[in-house]
């Protein structure tokens, strides 16, 4: 059965065609053959904060995987960070896919962009049942202001009362080097 995948990305990577290469890479024979549905938001939105949160939350409904498509500036996008944290709160599986290795509309590739998971984390509660989202800002870890603490599956005792960087919890892939066209369905489980 095909999974519903939410793709989080910087809109510039849609303009440059990189994001859509990944999102639509295997649809020539239909959704079931591709192994996933694209449940992401298609257009750039100019809505207020609450409306954007509602739109993202609605699109995340019924998804089980969030694939973060990382270009040059994805890590710095507020709403990508919100999509990541909200995905964790709803217990989606998360992966990073670096896409700067894909030739853009100008036929050029770019150096890999920073992994957003290096700049996001979770502070695990003393009893291991809650997480408070954090972000690296101004040279220190700060609480993420767009999402309150949330319930999580029980963490082992070794993780309790600790801060955990997301890059230590979730994998990152390079679309070209790791053969995303062939391996994407394995990456999303």
Foldseek 3Di string as FASTA:
>chain_A
DAFEEEEQEDVVCVVQVQVVCLVCVPDPPHRVVQRYHYLYDDDDDDDDPVVLVVVLVVSCPRGQEYEYEFDACGLPDLVSVVSVVVNVQVNHAYEYEFRQQPQTPVRHGDPTHDDNLQFKKWFAAQQQFKTFIWGQDPNDIDTSPSDGIHTHPRDDNVRHRDIGRRPVVHYYYYCPVVVCSVCVSVRND
